[in-house]
Amino acid sequence: MTNMPPADPRIEAVATRLKEAAQKRAEAYAPPTEWQPIWKRPRKPKSIKAKKAELAKQRKRLKAAGVRRFYGAQSPRPRPRLRQNRIGSAAARRDTRALSRMRHSNAWLW
């Protein structure tokens, strides 16, 4: 036979509040009803004003890119269209160095 303490109304009130709070949290964390990924949801049509604003923004962006491209081509510093590959240029440097050494030495070619 177990001895049960008399029911304390304060503890009962706290217990009911805790149960209600737990129920609210469970409802908050429950997945939304009939959830669909964003690409499957029906589209909300844009207003004409929103469409025009988006197009104006795009036009402005493309125009700025064109201006940058134009002034990049007008650059005062010429850039080579196709750079030599590294092996060829290294071989050319070696040859030049050897010829330069021969030129500046006092060795005679017999």
PDB file of N, CA and C in Angstrom:
ATOM      1  N   MET A   1       0.846  -1.171   0.000  1.00  0.00           N
ATOM      2  CA  MET A   1       0.000   0.000   0.000  1.00  0.00           C
ATOM      3  C   MET A   1       0.896   1.241   0.000  1.00  0.00           C
ATOM      4  N   THR A   2       0.707   2.123  -1.035  1.00  0.00           N
ATOM      5  CA  THR A   2       1.543   3.326  -1.144  1.00  0.00           C
ATOM      6  C   THR A   2       0.814   4.507  -0.551  1.00  0.00           C
ATOM      7  N   ASN A   3       1.614   5.368   0.017  1.00  0.00           N
ATOM      8  CA  ASN A   3       1.029   6.584   0.589  1.00  0.00           C
ATOM      9  C   ASN A   3       1.049   7.681  -0.462  1.00  0.00           C
ATOM     10  N   MET A   4      -0.077   8.153  -0.931  1.00  0.00           N
ATOM     11  CA  MET A   4      -0.183   9.237  -1.912  1.00  0.00           C
ATOM     12  C   MET A   4      -0.349  10.547  -1.159  1.00  0.00           C
ATOM     13  N   PRO A   5       0.492  11.522  -1.517  1.00  0.00           N
ATOM     14  CA  PRO A   5       0.308  12.820  -0.852  1.00  0.00           C
ATOM     15  C   PRO A   5      -0.981  13.476  -1.339  1.00  0.00           C
ATOM     16  N   PRO A   6      -1.556  14.329  -0.530  1.00  0.00           N
ATOM     17  CA  PRO A   6      -2.784  15.003  -0.977  1.00  0.00           C
ATOM     18  C   PRO A   6      -2.476  15.905  -2.178  1.00  0.00           C
ATOM     19  N   ALA A   7      -3.409  16.014  -3.104  1.00  0.00           N
ATOM     20  CA  ALA A   7      -3.213  16.803  -4.320  1.00  0.00           C
ATOM     21  C   ALA A   7      -3.082  18.284  -3.978  1.00  0.00           C
ATOM     22  N   ASP A   8      -1.996  18.874  -4.461  1.00  0.00           N
ATOM     23  CA  ASP A   8      -1.740  20.297  -4.211  1.00  0.00           C
ATOM     24  C   ASP A   8      -2.282  21.085  -5.406  1.00  0.00           C
ATOM     25  N   PRO A   9      -3.197  22.029  -5.200  1.00  0.00           N
ATOM     26  CA  PRO A   9      -3.782  22.761  -6.339  1.00  0.00           C
ATOM     27  C   PRO A   9      -2.732  23.563  -7.117  1.00  0.00           C
ATOM     28  N   ARG A  10      -1.671  24.045  -6.436  1.00  0.00           N
ATOM     29  CA  ARG A  10      -0.641  24.821  -7.162  1.00  0.00           C
ATOM     30  C   ARG A  10       0.115  23.922  -8.146  1.00  0.00           C
ATOM     31  N   ILE A  11       0.446  22.709  -7.714  1.00  0.00           N
ATOM     32  CA  ILE A  11       1.171  21.789  -8.588  1.00  0.00           C
ATOM     33  C   ILE A  11       0.288  21.384  -9.768  1.00  0.00           C
ATOM     34  N   GLU A  12      -0.990  21.175  -9.487  1.00  0.00           N
ATOM     35  CA  GLU A  12      -1.926  20.809 -10.564  1.00  0.00           C
ATOM     36  C   GLU A  12      -2.011  21.932 -11.598  1.00  0.00           C
ATOM     37  N   ALA A  13      -2.047  23.202 -11.159  1.00  0.00           N
ATOM     38  CA  ALA A  13      -2.138  24.348 -12.068  1.00  0.00           C
ATOM     39  C   ALA A  13      -0.876  24.433 -12.937  1.00  0.00           C
ATOM     40  N   VAL A  14       0.288  24.238 -12.310  1.00  0.00           N
ATOM     41  CA  VAL A  14       1.554  24.281 -13.070  1.00  0.00           C
ATOM     42  C   VAL A  14       1.581  23.145 -14.095  1.00  0.00           C
ATOM     43  N   ALA A  15       1.123  21.961 -13.686  1.00  0.00           N
ATOM     44  CA  ALA A  15       1.122  20.807 -14.593  1.00  0.00           C
ATOM     45  C   ALA A  15       0.230  21.060 -15.802  1.00  0.00           C
ATOM     46  N   THR A  16      -0.939  21.647 -15.593  1.00  0.00           N
ATOM     47  CA  THR A  16      -1.839  21.918 -16.730  1.00  0.00           C
ATOM     48  C   THR A  16      -1.241  22.974 -17.660  1.00  0.00           C
ATOM     49  N   ARG A  17      -0.573  23.995 -17.058  1.00  0.00           N
ATOM     50  CA  ARG A  17       0.074  25.015 -17.892  1.00  0.00           C
ATOM     51  C   ARG A  17       1.184  24.394 -18.730  1.00  0.00           C
ATOM     52  N   LEU A  18       1.965  23.506 -18.143  1.00  0.00           N
ATOM     53  CA  LEU A  18       3.045  22.837 -18.880  1.00  0.00           C
ATOM     54  C   LEU A  18       2.493  21.992 -20.026  1.00  0.00           C
ATOM     55  N   LYS A  19       1.404  21.287 -19.761  1.00  0.00           N
ATOM     56  CA  LYS A  19       0.793  20.466 -20.806  1.00  0.00           C
ATOM     57  C   LYS A  19       0.295  21.325 -21.967  1.00  0.00           C
ATOM     58  N   GLU A  20      -0.329  22.468 -21.643  1.00  0.00           N
ATOM     59  CA  GLU A  20      -0.825  23.373 -22.691  1.00  0.00           C
ATOM     60  C   GLU A  20       0.331  23.932 -23.523  1.00  0.00           C
ATOM     61  N   ALA A  21       1.416  24.316 -22.838  1.00  0.00           N
ATOM     62  CA  ALA A  21       2.576  24.866 -23.548  1.00  0.00           C
ATOM     63  C   ALA A  21       3.189  23.810 -24.464  1.00  0.00           C
ATOM     64  N   ALA A  22       3.276  22.566 -23.968  1.00  0.00           N
ATOM     65  CA  ALA A  22       3.829  21.479 -24.793  1.00  0.00           C
ATOM     66  C   ALA A  22       2.953  21.247 -26.020  1.00  0.00           C
ATOM     67  N   GLN A  23       1.639  21.323 -25.839  1.00  0.00           N
ATOM     68  CA  GLN A  23       0.707  21.141 -26.961  1.00  0.00           C
ATOM     69  C   GLN A  23       0.898  22.248 -28.002  1.00  0.00           C
ATOM     70  N   LYS A  24       1.062  23.509 -27.528  1.00  0.00           N
ATOM     71  CA  LYS A  24       1.268  24.639 -28.448  1.00  0.00           C
ATOM     72  C   LYS A  24       2.563  24.460 -29.246  1.00  0.00           C
ATOM     73  N   ARG A  25       3.640  24.020 -28.559  1.00  0.00           N
ATOM     74  CA  ARG A  25       4.919  23.797 -29.254  1.00  0.00           C
ATOM     75  C   ARG A  25       4.782  22.704 -30.302  1.00  0.00           C
ATOM     76  N   ALA A  26       4.080  21.631 -29.943  1.00  0.00           N
ATOM     77  CA  ALA A  26       3.884  20.527 -30.889  1.00  0.00           C
ATOM     78  C   ALA A  26       3.127  21.020 -32.125  1.00  0.00           C
ATOM     79  N   GLU A  27       2.129  21.879 -31.932  1.00  0.00           N
ATOM     80  CA  GLU A  27       1.375  22.424 -33.065  1.00  0.00           C
ATOM     81  C   GLU A  27       2.257  23.337 -33.917  1.00  0.00           C
ATOM     82  N   ALA A  28       3.126  24.097 -33.251  1.00  0.00           N
ATOM     83  CA  ALA A  28       3.994  25.022 -33.981  1.00  0.00           C
ATOM     84  C   ALA A  28       5.009  24.265 -34.838  1.00  0.00           C
ATOM     85  N   TYR A  29       5.515  23.134 -34.331  1.00  0.00           N
ATOM     86  CA  TYR A  29       6.528  22.377 -35.064  1.00  0.00           C
ATOM     87  C   TYR A  29       5.941  21.411 -36.074  1.00  0.00           C
ATOM     88  N   ALA A  30       4.643  21.254 -36.091  1.00  0.00           N
ATOM     89  CA  ALA A  30       4.019  20.320 -37.028  1.00  0.00           C
ATOM     90  C   ALA A  30       4.233  20.817 -38.455  1.00  0.00           C
ATOM     91  N   PRO A  31       4.397  19.908 -39.417  1.00  0.00           N
ATOM     92  CA  PRO A  31       4.602  20.363 -40.805  1.00  0.00           C
ATOM     93  C   PRO A  31       3.344  21.050 -41.331  1.00  0.00           C
ATOM     94  N   PRO A  32       3.527  22.037 -42.207  1.00  0.00           N
ATOM     95  CA  PRO A  32       2.353  22.734 -42.735  1.00  0.00           C
ATOM     96  C   PRO A  32       1.495  21.782 -43.568  1.00  0.00           C
ATOM     97  N   THR A  33       0.224  22.022 -43.576  1.00  0.00           N
ATOM     98  CA  THR A  33      -0.686  21.134 -44.302  1.00  0.00           C
ATOM     99  C   THR A  33      -0.509  21.345 -45.800  1.00  0.00           C
ATOM    100  N   GLU A  34      -0.533  20.254 -46.556  1.00  0.00           N
ATOM    101  CA  GLU A  34      -0.422  20.256 -48.013  1.00  0.00           C
ATOM    102  C   GLU A  34       0.763  21.094 -48.489  1.00  0.00           C
ATOM    103  N   TRP A  35       1.933  20.813 -47.946  1.00  0.00           N
ATOM    104  CA  TRP A  35       3.131  21.550 -48.326  1.00  0.00           C
ATOM    105  C   TRP A  35       3.592  21.129 -49.703  1.00  0.00           C
ATOM    106  N   GLN A  36       4.025  22.095 -50.505  1.00  0.00           N
ATOM    107  CA  GLN A  36       4.559  21.818 -51.835  1.00  0.00           C
ATOM    108  C   GLN A  36       5.871  22.560 -51.998  1.00  0.00           C
ATOM    109  N   PRO A  37       6.821  21.978 -52.730  1.00  0.00           N
ATOM    110  CA  PRO A  37       8.044  22.735 -52.994  1.00  0.00           C
ATOM    111  C   PRO A  37       7.729  23.972 -53.820  1.00  0.00           C
ATOM    112  N   ILE A  38       8.613  24.955 -53.741  1.00  0.00           N
ATOM    113  CA  ILE A  38       8.308  26.260 -54.341  1.00  0.00           C
ATOM    114  C   ILE A  38       8.115  26.176 -55.854  1.00  0.00           C
ATOM    115  N   TRP A  39       8.818  25.227 -56.519  1.00  0.00           N
ATOM    116  CA  TRP A  39       8.690  25.153 -57.972  1.00  0.00           C
ATOM    117  C   TRP A  39       7.393  24.490 -58.418  1.00  0.00           C
ATOM    118  N   LYS A  40       6.643  23.922 -57.465  1.00  0.00           N
ATOM    119  CA  LYS A  40       5.362  23.313 -57.823  1.00  0.00           C
ATOM    120  C   LYS A  40       4.174  24.178 -57.412  1.00  0.00           C
ATOM    121  N   ARG A  41       4.447  25.252 -56.715  1.00  0.00           N
ATOM    122  CA  ARG A  41       3.340  26.106 -56.276  1.00  0.00           C
ATOM    123  C   ARG A  41       2.818  26.922 -57.450  1.00  0.00           C
ATOM    124  N   PRO A  42       1.535  27.236 -57.437  1.00  0.00           N
ATOM    125  CA  PRO A  42       1.016  28.058 -58.534  1.00  0.00           C
ATOM    126  C   PRO A  42       1.637  29.453 -58.496  1.00  0.00           C
ATOM    127  N   ARG A  43       1.964  29.977 -59.665  1.00  0.00           N
ATOM    128  CA  ARG A  43       2.626  31.279 -59.743  1.00  0.00           C
ATOM    129  C   ARG A  43       1.645  32.418 -59.549  1.00  0.00           C
ATOM    130  N   LYS A  44       2.140  33.416 -58.831  1.00  0.00           N
ATOM    131  CA  LYS A  44       1.331  34.616 -58.671  1.00  0.00           C
ATOM    132  C   LYS A  44       1.757  35.567 -59.781  1.00  0.00           C
ATOM    133  N   PRO A  45       0.856  35.955 -60.661  1.00  0.00           N
ATOM    134  CA  PRO A  45       1.280  36.811 -61.770  1.00  0.00           C
ATOM    135  C   PRO A  45       1.782  38.162 -61.268  1.00  0.00           C
ATOM    136  N   LYS A  46       2.857  38.660 -61.937  1.00  0.00           N
ATOM    137  CA  LYS A  46       3.420  39.958 -61.554  1.00  0.00           C
ATOM    138  C   LYS A  46       2.545  41.064 -62.114  1.00  0.00           C
ATOM    139  N   SER A  47       2.557  42.160 -61.423  1.00  0.00           N
ATOM    140  CA  SER A  47       1.812  43.313 -61.933  1.00  0.00           C
ATOM    141  C   SER A  47       2.604  43.916 -63.090  1.00  0.00           C
ATOM    142  N   ILE A  48       1.929  44.693 -63.905  1.00  0.00           N
ATOM    143  CA  ILE A  48       2.580  45.322 -65.061  1.00  0.00           C
ATOM    144  C   ILE A  48       3.697  46.246 -64.579  1.00  0.00           C
ATOM    145  N   LYS A  49       3.455  46.946 -63.490  1.00  0.00           N
ATOM    146  CA  LYS A  49       4.456  47.861 -62.939  1.00  0.00           C
ATOM    147  C   LYS A  49       5.718  47.097 -62.501  1.00  0.00           C
ATOM    148  N   ALA A  50       5.506  45.940 -61.866  1.00  0.00           N
ATOM    149  CA  ALA A  50       6.641  45.125 -61.407  1.00  0.00           C
ATOM    150  C   ALA A  50       7.425  44.579 -62.596  1.00  0.00           C
ATOM    151  N   LYS A  51       6.712  44.141 -63.651  1.00  0.00           N
ATOM    152  CA  LYS A  51       7.369  43.632 -64.860  1.00  0.00           C
ATOM    153  C   LYS A  51       8.230  44.710 -65.493  1.00  0.00           C
ATOM    154  N   LYS A  52       7.659  45.921 -65.618  1.00  0.00           N
ATOM    155  CA  LYS A  52       8.392  47.023 -66.250  1.00  0.00           C
ATOM    156  C   LYS A  52       9.619  47.405 -65.434  1.00  0.00           C
ATOM    157  N   ALA A  53       9.468  47.393 -64.112  1.00  0.00           N
ATOM    158  CA  ALA A  53      10.604  47.725 -63.249  1.00  0.00           C
ATOM    159  C   ALA A  53      11.718  46.698 -63.415  1.00  0.00           C
ATOM    160  N   GLU A  54      11.337  45.423 -63.480  1.00  0.00           N
ATOM    161  CA  GLU A  54      12.343  44.360 -63.648  1.00  0.00           C
ATOM    162  C   GLU A  54      13.063  44.494 -64.989  1.00  0.00           C
ATOM    163  N   LEU A  55      12.306  44.771 -66.047  1.00  0.00           N
ATOM    164  CA  LEU A  55      12.912  44.929 -67.375  1.00  0.00           C
ATOM    165  C   LEU A  55      13.832  46.150 -67.419  1.00  0.00           C
ATOM    166  N   ALA A  56      13.411  47.230 -66.764  1.00  0.00           N
ATOM    167  CA  ALA A  56      14.250  48.436 -66.739  1.00  0.00           C
ATOM    168  C   ALA A  56      15.564  48.147 -66.020  1.00  0.00           C
ATOM    169  N   LYS A  57      15.481  47.405 -64.936  1.00  0.00           N
ATOM    170  CA  LYS A  57      16.680  47.039 -64.185  1.00  0.00           C
ATOM    171  C   LYS A  57      17.620  46.181 -65.044  1.00  0.00           C
ATOM    172  N   GLN A  58      17.026  45.235 -65.765  1.00  0.00           N
ATOM    173  CA  GLN A  58      17.818  44.356 -66.632  1.00  0.00           C
ATOM    174  C   GLN A  58      18.465  45.166 -67.760  1.00  0.00           C
ATOM    175  N   ARG A  59      17.701  46.082 -68.347  1.00  0.00           N
ATOM    176  CA  ARG A  59      18.231  46.920 -69.431  1.00  0.00           C
ATOM    177  C   ARG A  59      19.413  47.748 -68.946  1.00  0.00           C
ATOM    178  N   LYS A  60      19.254  48.314 -67.756  1.00  0.00           N
ATOM    179  CA  LYS A  60      20.315  49.132 -67.168  1.00  0.00           C
ATOM    180  C   LYS A  60      21.586  48.302 -66.938  1.00  0.00           C
ATOM    181  N   ARG A  61      21.382  47.071 -66.429  1.00  0.00           N
ATOM    182  CA  ARG A  61      22.516  46.189 -66.155  1.00  0.00           C
ATOM    183  C   ARG A  61      23.257  45.821 -67.444  1.00  0.00           C
ATOM    184  N   LEU A  62      22.496  45.487 -68.501  1.00  0.00           N
ATOM    185  CA  LEU A  62      23.101  45.095 -69.772  1.00  0.00           C
ATOM    186  C   LEU A  62      23.798  46.275 -70.443  1.00  0.00           C
ATOM    187  N   LYS A  63      23.215  47.448 -70.302  1.00  0.00           N
ATOM    188  CA  LYS A  63      23.825  48.639 -70.891  1.00  0.00           C
ATOM    189  C   LYS A  63      25.157  48.935 -70.209  1.00  0.00           C
ATOM    190  N   ALA A  64      25.180  48.823 -68.889  1.00  0.00           N
ATOM    191  CA  ALA A  64      26.420  49.062 -68.137  1.00  0.00           C
ATOM    192  C   ALA A  64      27.493  48.053 -68.547  1.00  0.00           C
ATOM    193  N   ALA A  65      27.090  46.798 -68.774  1.00  0.00           N
ATOM    194  CA  ALA A  65      28.052  45.777 -69.198  1.00  0.00           C
ATOM    195  C   ALA A  65      28.613  46.115 -70.578  1.00  0.00           C
ATOM    196  N   GLY A  66      27.754  46.597 -71.473  1.00  0.00           N
ATOM    197  CA  GLY A  66      28.201  46.991 -72.812  1.00  0.00           C
ATOM    198  C   GLY A  66      29.191  48.143 -72.751  1.00  0.00           C
ATOM    199  N   VAL A  67      28.911  49.107 -71.892  1.00  0.00           N
ATOM    200  CA  VAL A  67      29.808  50.261 -71.739  1.00  0.00           C
ATOM    201  C   VAL A  67      31.165  49.798 -71.214  1.00  0.00           C
ATOM    202  N   ARG A  68      31.132  48.910 -70.208  1.00  0.00           N
ATOM    203  CA  ARG A  68      32.398  48.389 -69.664  1.00  0.00           C
ATOM    204  C   ARG A  68      33.194  47.660 -70.732  1.00  0.00           C
ATOM    205  N   ARG A  69      32.490  46.867 -71.536  1.00  0.00           N
ATOM    206  CA  ARG A  69      33.155  46.098 -72.594  1.00  0.00           C
ATOM    207  C   ARG A  69      33.775  47.046 -73.624  1.00  0.00           C
ATOM    208  N   PHE A  70      33.038  48.100 -73.983  1.00  0.00           N
ATOM    209  CA  PHE A  70      33.537  49.058 -74.975  1.00  0.00           C
ATOM    210  C   PHE A  70      34.794  49.749 -74.461  1.00  0.00           C
ATOM    211  N   TYR A  71      34.733  50.271 -73.227  1.00  0.00           N
ATOM    212  CA  TYR A  71      35.895  50.985 -72.704  1.00  0.00           C
ATOM    213  C   TYR A  71      37.060  50.047 -72.393  1.00  0.00           C
ATOM    214  N   GLY A  72      36.773  48.785 -72.125  1.00  0.00           N
ATOM    215  CA  GLY A  72      37.851  47.801 -71.944  1.00  0.00           C
ATOM    216  C   GLY A  72      38.604  47.597 -73.243  1.00  0.00           C
ATOM    217  N   ALA A  73      37.880  47.610 -74.374  1.00  0.00           N
ATOM    218  CA  ALA A  73      38.521  47.441 -75.685  1.00  0.00           C
ATOM    219  C   ALA A  73      39.308  48.682 -76.072  1.00  0.00           C
ATOM    220  N   GLN A  74      38.926  49.855 -75.540  1.00  0.00           N
ATOM    221  CA  GLN A  74      39.612  51.111 -75.857  1.00  0.00           C
ATOM    222  C   GLN A  74      40.823  51.347 -74.956  1.00  0.00           C
ATOM    223  N   SER A  75      41.199  50.343 -74.189  1.00  0.00           N
ATOM    224  CA  SER A  75      42.267  50.501 -73.210  1.00  0.00           C
ATOM    225  C   SER A  75      43.574  50.926 -73.881  1.00  0.00           C
ATOM    226  N   PRO A  76      44.327  51.858 -73.275  1.00  0.00           N
ATOM    227  CA  PRO A  76      45.579  52.317 -73.885  1.00  0.00           C
ATOM    228  C   PRO A  76      46.672  51.246 -73.847  1.00  0.00           C
ATOM    229  N   ARG A  77      46.566  50.291 -72.956  1.00  0.00           N
ATOM    230  CA  ARG A  77      47.602  49.259 -72.842  1.00  0.00           C
ATOM    231  C   ARG A  77      47.254  48.099 -73.767  1.00  0.00           C
ATOM    232  N   PRO A  78      48.066  47.852 -74.790  1.00  0.00           N
ATOM    233  CA  PRO A  78      47.729  46.748 -75.689  1.00  0.00           C
ATOM    234  C   PRO A  78      47.982  45.408 -75.011  1.00  0.00           C
ATOM    235  N   ARG A  79      47.071  44.491 -75.220  1.00  0.00           N
ATOM    236  CA  ARG A  79      47.228  43.148 -74.661  1.00  0.00           C
ATOM    237  C   ARG A  79      47.390  42.166 -75.817  1.00  0.00           C
ATOM    238  N   PRO A  80      48.308  41.225 -75.667  1.00  0.00           N
ATOM    239  CA  PRO A  80      48.471  40.243 -76.747  1.00  0.00           C
ATOM    240  C   PRO A  80      47.229  39.359 -76.850  1.00  0.00           C
ATOM    241  N   ARG A  81      46.813  39.098 -78.064  1.00  0.00           N
ATOM    242  CA  ARG A  81      45.627  38.265 -78.262  1.00  0.00           C
ATOM    243  C   ARG A  81      45.914  36.831 -77.819  1.00  0.00           C
ATOM    244  N   LEU A  82      47.095  36.314 -78.234  1.00  0.00           N
ATOM    245  CA  LEU A  82      47.428  34.941 -77.900  1.00  0.00           C
ATOM    246  C   LEU A  82      48.832  34.938 -77.319  1.00  0.00           C
ATOM    247  N   ARG A  83      48.953  34.563 -76.076  1.00  0.00           N
ATOM    248  CA  ARG A  83      50.285  34.533 -75.461  1.00  0.00           C
ATOM    249  C   ARG A  83      51.024  33.289 -75.918  1.00  0.00           C
ATOM    250  N   GLN A  84      52.363  33.417 -76.010  1.00  0.00           N
ATOM    251  CA  GLN A  84      53.161  32.248 -76.380  1.00  0.00           C
ATOM    252  C   GLN A  84      53.044  31.213 -75.281  1.00  0.00           C
ATOM    253  N   ASN A  85      53.175  29.966 -75.678  1.00  0.00           N
ATOM    254  CA  ASN A  85      53.142  28.965 -74.629  1.00  0.00           C
ATOM    255  C   ASN A  85      54.456  29.019 -73.848  1.00  0.00           C
ATOM    256  N   ARG A  86      54.443  28.534 -72.646  1.00  0.00           N
ATOM    257  CA  ARG A  86      55.577  28.721 -71.737  1.00  0.00           C
ATOM    258  C   ARG A  86      56.816  27.982 -72.216  1.00  0.00           C
ATOM    259  N   ILE A  87      56.649  26.824 -72.836  1.00  0.00           N
ATOM    260  CA  ILE A  87      57.809  26.036 -73.256  1.00  0.00           C
ATOM    261  C   ILE A  87      58.557  26.781 -74.363  1.00  0.00           C
ATOM    262  N   GLY A  88      57.803  27.259 -75.349  1.00  0.00           N
ATOM    263  CA  GLY A  88      58.433  27.975 -76.459  1.00  0.00           C
ATOM    264  C   GLY A  88      59.161  29.213 -76.001  1.00  0.00           C
ATOM    265  N   SER A  89      58.540  29.987 -75.111  1.00  0.00           N
ATOM    266  CA  SER A  89      59.164  31.234 -74.679  1.00  0.00           C
ATOM    267  C   SER A  89      60.391  30.944 -73.818  1.00  0.00           C
ATOM    268  N   ALA A  90      60.357  29.846 -73.015  1.00  0.00           N
ATOM    269  CA  ALA A  90      61.520  29.492 -72.196  1.00  0.00           C
ATOM    270  C   ALA A  90      62.681  29.092 -73.095  1.00  0.00           C
ATOM    271  N   ALA A  91      62.394  28.328 -74.156  1.00  0.00           N
ATOM    272  CA  ALA A  91      63.452  27.915 -75.088  1.00  0.00           C
ATOM    273  C   ALA A  91      64.043  29.140 -75.778  1.00  0.00           C
ATOM    274  N   ALA A  92      63.190  30.071 -76.160  1.00  0.00           N
ATOM    275  CA  ALA A  92      63.671  31.292 -76.816  1.00  0.00           C
ATOM    276  C   ALA A  92      64.560  32.088 -75.869  1.00  0.00           C
ATOM    277  N   ARG A  93      64.182  32.152 -74.596  1.00  0.00           N
ATOM    278  CA  ARG A  93      65.008  32.879 -73.622  1.00  0.00           C
ATOM    279  C   ARG A  93      66.374  32.217 -73.454  1.00  0.00           C
ATOM    280  N   ARG A  94      66.373  30.880 -73.414  1.00  0.00           N
ATOM    281  CA  ARG A  94      67.652  30.156 -73.279  1.00  0.00           C
ATOM    282  C   ARG A  94      68.565  30.441 -74.459  1.00  0.00           C
ATOM    283  N   ASP A  95      68.003  30.397 -75.673  1.00  0.00           N
ATOM    284  CA  ASP A  95      68.809  30.666 -76.874  1.00  0.00           C
ATOM    285  C   ASP A  95      69.362  32.073 -76.849  1.00  0.00           C
ATOM    286  N   THR A  96      68.539  33.014 -76.487  1.00  0.00           N
ATOM    287  CA  THR A  96      68.969  34.412 -76.450  1.00  0.00           C
ATOM    288  C   THR A  96      70.090  34.592 -75.441  1.00  0.00           C
ATOM    289  N   ARG A  97      69.951  33.934 -74.276  1.00  0.00           N
ATOM    290  CA  ARG A  97      70.967  34.047 -73.233  1.00  0.00           C
ATOM    291  C   ARG A  97      72.305  33.493 -73.733  1.00  0.00           C
ATOM    292  N   ALA A  98      72.257  32.345 -74.418  1.00  0.00           N
ATOM    293  CA  ALA A  98      73.491  31.721 -74.920  1.00  0.00           C
ATOM    294  C   ALA A  98      74.160  32.615 -75.954  1.00  0.00           C
ATOM    295  N   LEU A  99      73.361  33.165 -76.862  1.00  0.00           N
ATOM    296  CA  LEU A  99      73.931  34.051 -77.891  1.00  0.00           C
ATOM    297  C   LEU A  99      74.523  35.300 -77.263  1.00  0.00           C
ATOM    298  N   SER A 100      73.848  35.823 -76.256  1.00  0.00           N
ATOM    299  CA  SER A 100      74.326  37.025 -75.578  1.00  0.00           C
ATOM    300  C   SER A 100      75.669  36.758 -74.903  1.00  0.00           C
ATOM    301  N   ARG A 101      75.803  35.579 -74.265  1.00  0.00           N
ATOM    302  CA  ARG A 101      77.075  35.232 -73.617  1.00  0.00           C
ATOM    303  C   ARG A 101      78.192  35.156 -74.644  1.00  0.00           C
ATOM    304  N   MET A 102      77.871  34.558 -75.807  1.00  0.00           N
ATOM    305  CA  MET A 102      78.891  34.448 -76.863  1.00  0.00           C
ATOM    306  C   MET A 102      79.291  35.838 -77.352  1.00  0.00           C
ATOM    307  N   ARG A 103      78.316  36.725 -77.496  1.00  0.00           N
ATOM    308  CA  ARG A 103      78.598  38.065 -78.014  1.00  0.00           C
ATOM    309  C   ARG A 103      79.497  38.836 -77.076  1.00  0.00           C
ATOM    310  N   HIS A 104      79.214  38.685 -75.760  1.00  0.00           N
ATOM    311  CA  HIS A 104      79.959  39.481 -74.782  1.00  0.00           C
ATOM    312  C   HIS A 104      81.244  38.807 -74.315  1.00  0.00           C
ATOM    313  N   SER A 105      81.515  37.601 -74.804  1.00  0.00           N
ATOM    314  CA  SER A 105      82.769  36.953 -74.411  1.00  0.00           C
ATOM    315  C   SER A 105      83.848  37.307 -75.437  1.00  0.00           C
ATOM    316  N   ASN A 106      85.093  37.006 -75.071  1.00  0.00           N
ATOM    317  CA  ASN A 106      86.175  37.281 -76.032  1.00  0.00           C
ATOM    318  C   ASN A 106      86.611  35.995 -76.724  1.00  0.00           C
ATOM    319  N   ALA A 107      85.697  35.012 -76.802  1.00  0.00           N
ATOM    320  CA  ALA A 107      85.998  33.764 -77.477  1.00  0.00           C
ATOM    321  C   ALA A 107      85.854  33.972 -78.978  1.00  0.00           C
ATOM    322  N   TRP A 108      86.798  33.418 -79.722  1.00  0.00           N
ATOM    323  CA  TRP A 108      86.752  33.519 -81.172  1.00  0.00           C
ATOM    324  C   TRP A 108      86.186  32.244 -81.735  1.00  0.00           C
ATOM    325  N   LEU A 109      85.396  32.368 -82.739  1.00  0.00           N
ATOM    326  CA  LEU A 109      84.880  31.184 -83.431  1.00  0.00           C
ATOM    327  C   LEU A 109      85.836  30.877 -84.584  1.00  0.00           C
ATOM    328  N   TRP A 110      86.521  29.758 -84.550  1.00  0.00           N
ATOM    329  CA  TRP A 110      87.496  29.400 -85.583  1.00  0.00           C
ATOM    330  C   TRP A 110      86.829  28.719 -86.742  1.00  0.00           C
TER     331      TRP A 110
END
